Structure formats: structure tokens, C-alpha cells
N, C-alpha and C. Protein backbone atom coordinates (compact mmCIF):
# COMPACT_ATOMS: atom_id res chain seq x y z
N MET A 1 193.06 -123.39 151.60
CA MET A 1 194.11 -122.61 152.19
C MET A 1 193.53 -121.29 152.69
N THR A 2 194.18 -120.78 153.70
CA THR A 2 193.73 -119.49 154.21
C THR A 2 194.18 -118.37 153.28
N THR A 3 193.65 -117.19 153.50
CA THR A 3 194.05 -116.07 152.66
C THR A 3 195.42 -115.53 153.02
N ASN A 4 195.92 -115.88 154.18
CA ASN A 4 197.25 -115.43 154.60
C ASN A 4 198.29 -116.50 154.29
N THR A 5 198.47 -116.82 153.03
CA THR A 5 199.45 -117.83 152.67
C THR A 5 200.83 -117.21 152.50
N CYS A 6 201.81 -118.02 152.78
CA CYS A 6 203.21 -117.63 152.61
C CYS A 6 203.83 -118.64 151.64
N ASN A 7 204.94 -118.30 151.05
CA ASN A 7 205.64 -119.22 150.16
C ASN A 7 206.54 -120.13 150.99
N PRO A 8 206.20 -121.42 151.09
CA PRO A 8 207.01 -122.32 151.91
C PRO A 8 208.36 -122.61 151.27
N VAL A 9 209.32 -122.92 152.12
CA VAL A 9 210.64 -123.37 151.68
C VAL A 9 210.81 -124.78 152.23
N VAL A 10 211.22 -125.71 151.35
CA VAL A 10 211.35 -127.11 151.73
C VAL A 10 212.74 -127.62 151.38
N ARG A 11 213.14 -128.67 152.06
CA ARG A 11 214.40 -129.35 151.74
C ARG A 11 214.09 -130.84 151.59
N ILE A 12 214.63 -131.42 150.52
CA ILE A 12 214.49 -132.86 150.29
C ILE A 12 215.89 -133.45 150.20
N GLU A 13 216.13 -134.50 150.96
CA GLU A 13 217.42 -135.20 150.93
C GLU A 13 217.22 -136.53 150.21
N PHE A 14 218.02 -136.75 149.15
CA PHE A 14 217.89 -137.94 148.32
C PHE A 14 219.07 -138.88 148.53
N ASP A 15 218.79 -140.19 148.46
CA ASP A 15 219.87 -141.17 148.48
C ASP A 15 220.40 -141.37 147.06
N ALA A 16 221.38 -142.25 146.91
CA ALA A 16 222.02 -142.46 145.61
C ALA A 16 221.06 -143.00 144.56
N ALA A 17 219.97 -143.63 144.99
CA ALA A 17 218.97 -144.16 144.05
C ALA A 17 217.96 -143.09 143.62
N GLY A 18 218.04 -141.90 144.22
CA GLY A 18 217.12 -140.82 143.86
C GLY A 18 215.84 -140.81 144.66
N THR A 19 215.80 -141.58 145.73
CA THR A 19 214.62 -141.67 146.59
C THR A 19 214.79 -140.75 147.80
N PRO A 20 213.76 -140.00 148.16
CA PRO A 20 213.87 -139.13 149.34
C PRO A 20 214.04 -139.96 150.62
N VAL A 21 215.03 -139.58 151.42
CA VAL A 21 215.22 -140.23 152.72
C VAL A 21 214.79 -139.32 153.86
N ARG A 22 214.76 -138.00 153.60
CA ARG A 22 214.30 -137.02 154.57
C ARG A 22 213.71 -135.84 153.83
N ALA A 23 212.70 -135.26 154.42
CA ALA A 23 212.11 -134.04 153.87
C ALA A 23 211.69 -133.17 155.04
N SER A 24 211.82 -131.87 154.84
CA SER A 24 211.43 -130.97 155.92
C SER A 24 210.94 -129.65 155.35
N ILE A 25 210.13 -128.99 156.15
CA ILE A 25 209.65 -127.65 155.80
C ILE A 25 210.49 -126.66 156.59
N LEU A 26 211.24 -125.84 155.88
CA LEU A 26 212.12 -124.86 156.52
C LEU A 26 211.38 -123.56 156.82
N ARG A 27 210.39 -123.25 155.97
CA ARG A 27 209.53 -122.08 156.21
C ARG A 27 208.10 -122.48 155.87
N THR A 28 207.21 -122.24 156.77
CA THR A 28 205.82 -122.66 156.64
C THR A 28 205.07 -121.90 155.54
N SER A 29 203.99 -122.51 155.10
CA SER A 29 203.08 -121.84 154.16
C SER A 29 202.06 -120.99 154.90
N CYS A 30 202.11 -121.01 156.22
CA CYS A 30 201.15 -120.32 157.09
C CYS A 30 199.80 -121.04 157.11
N ASP A 31 199.78 -122.29 156.65
CA ASP A 31 198.56 -123.10 156.66
C ASP A 31 198.97 -124.53 157.04
N ASP A 32 198.62 -124.95 158.26
CA ASP A 32 199.06 -126.26 158.76
C ASP A 32 198.61 -127.42 157.88
N ARG A 33 197.37 -127.37 157.40
CA ARG A 33 196.88 -128.47 156.55
C ARG A 33 197.67 -128.57 155.26
N PHE A 34 197.95 -127.43 154.66
CA PHE A 34 198.74 -127.43 153.43
C PHE A 34 200.15 -127.94 153.70
N ASP A 35 200.75 -127.51 154.81
CA ASP A 35 202.11 -127.96 155.15
C ASP A 35 202.17 -129.48 155.31
N ARG A 36 201.17 -130.06 155.96
CA ARG A 36 201.17 -131.52 156.14
C ARG A 36 201.07 -132.23 154.79
N ALA A 37 200.20 -131.74 153.91
CA ALA A 37 200.06 -132.35 152.58
C ALA A 37 201.33 -132.15 151.76
N LEU A 38 201.92 -130.98 151.85
CA LEU A 38 203.15 -130.70 151.12
C LEU A 38 204.27 -131.62 151.58
N LEU A 39 204.44 -131.77 152.88
CA LEU A 39 205.49 -132.64 153.42
C LEU A 39 205.29 -134.07 152.94
N ALA A 40 204.08 -134.57 153.00
CA ALA A 40 203.81 -135.94 152.53
C ALA A 40 204.14 -136.08 151.04
N SER A 41 203.84 -135.05 150.25
CA SER A 41 204.09 -135.13 148.81
C SER A 41 205.57 -135.14 148.48
N LEU A 42 206.39 -134.55 149.32
CA LEU A 42 207.83 -134.49 149.04
C LEU A 42 208.45 -135.88 149.00
N TYR A 43 207.89 -136.82 149.75
CA TYR A 43 208.42 -138.19 149.76
C TYR A 43 208.06 -138.96 148.48
N ARG A 44 207.20 -138.40 147.64
CA ARG A 44 206.88 -139.04 146.36
C ARG A 44 207.77 -138.54 145.22
N TRP A 45 208.59 -137.54 145.50
CA TRP A 45 209.50 -137.02 144.48
C TRP A 45 210.58 -138.05 144.18
N ARG A 46 211.17 -137.95 143.00
CA ARG A 46 212.32 -138.77 142.61
C ARG A 46 213.32 -137.85 141.94
N ALA A 47 214.59 -138.19 142.06
CA ALA A 47 215.65 -137.37 141.47
C ALA A 47 216.56 -138.24 140.62
N GLU A 48 217.22 -137.60 139.68
CA GLU A 48 218.22 -138.29 138.87
C GLU A 48 219.25 -137.27 138.42
N GLY A 49 220.40 -137.75 137.99
CA GLY A 49 221.42 -136.85 137.47
C GLY A 49 222.80 -137.12 138.03
N LYS A 50 223.74 -136.32 137.58
CA LYS A 50 225.15 -136.52 137.91
C LYS A 50 225.42 -136.46 139.41
N ALA A 51 224.78 -135.53 140.10
CA ALA A 51 225.02 -135.42 141.55
C ALA A 51 224.71 -136.73 142.26
N LEU A 52 223.69 -137.43 141.80
CA LEU A 52 223.34 -138.72 142.41
C LEU A 52 224.29 -139.81 141.93
N ASP A 53 224.67 -139.76 140.66
CA ASP A 53 225.59 -140.76 140.11
C ASP A 53 226.92 -140.76 140.84
N ASP A 54 227.34 -139.60 141.34
CA ASP A 54 228.63 -139.46 142.01
C ASP A 54 228.59 -139.85 143.49
N LEU A 55 227.41 -140.14 144.02
CA LEU A 55 227.28 -140.48 145.45
C LEU A 55 227.69 -141.92 145.72
N ALA A 56 228.32 -142.13 146.86
CA ALA A 56 228.54 -143.50 147.35
C ALA A 56 227.19 -144.02 147.85
N HIS A 57 227.10 -145.32 148.01
CA HIS A 57 225.84 -145.96 148.39
C HIS A 57 225.21 -145.36 149.65
N ASP A 58 226.04 -144.98 150.63
CA ASP A 58 225.51 -144.49 151.91
C ASP A 58 225.44 -142.96 152.00
N GLN A 59 225.73 -142.26 150.91
CA GLN A 59 225.69 -140.80 150.91
C GLN A 59 224.35 -140.27 150.43
N THR A 60 224.10 -139.00 150.73
CA THR A 60 222.88 -138.33 150.27
C THR A 60 223.24 -136.96 149.72
N THR A 61 222.31 -136.39 149.00
CA THR A 61 222.42 -135.01 148.54
C THR A 61 221.06 -134.36 148.75
N SER A 62 221.05 -133.05 148.91
CA SER A 62 219.77 -132.39 149.19
C SER A 62 219.56 -131.19 148.27
N ILE A 63 218.30 -130.84 148.12
CA ILE A 63 217.92 -129.63 147.41
C ILE A 63 216.99 -128.83 148.32
N THR A 64 217.06 -127.53 148.18
CA THR A 64 216.17 -126.63 148.91
C THR A 64 215.37 -125.85 147.87
N LEU A 65 214.06 -125.82 148.05
CA LEU A 65 213.17 -125.18 147.09
C LEU A 65 212.22 -124.22 147.79
N GLU A 66 211.95 -123.10 147.15
CA GLU A 66 210.88 -122.22 147.59
C GLU A 66 209.69 -122.49 146.69
N ILE A 67 208.55 -122.83 147.28
CA ILE A 67 207.33 -123.10 146.54
C ILE A 67 206.54 -121.79 146.46
N LEU A 68 206.31 -121.31 145.25
CA LEU A 68 205.61 -120.04 145.08
C LEU A 68 204.11 -120.29 144.97
N LEU A 69 203.36 -119.78 145.93
CA LEU A 69 201.91 -119.92 145.96
C LEU A 69 201.28 -118.62 145.50
N ARG A 70 200.26 -118.73 144.69
CA ARG A 70 199.59 -117.53 144.19
C ARG A 70 198.13 -117.61 144.47
């Protein structure tokens, strides 16, 4: 990573099974290579919990996260 890193903000949209159906970078890390790797990694996430249990089969829910880089 370059020395001018920023804390990226990402959004992951999950289906009722807890699998990501969409992921996006809302704010860059200021490093294109890191952003590409980060985006690919978001599709490996899994979710569980009440918010997913309450979804109909064709619905989704999303989370937005700020990744703190040091």
C-alpha cells in the first residue's frame, strides 16, 4: 500500500441466505490495488441473524462499514 492510505467505506448487500449479492466501495482506500483486493474479499463474507431471518426469499439487506487502516 502507498503511504497515502485512506480508510475505505464499503457496502455489502446480503440475500436471505447470508450470501453477498452485491458489494461496492463507497470511499476508496487511495490505493487501487488494495481496493480491488478488498472488493473481491467482500464476496467471501457471510452473514447471519434476525435481519436475515426476517427477509423474504427475494429480499436483501445491506451493511456499510468503514475499514480502519493503520
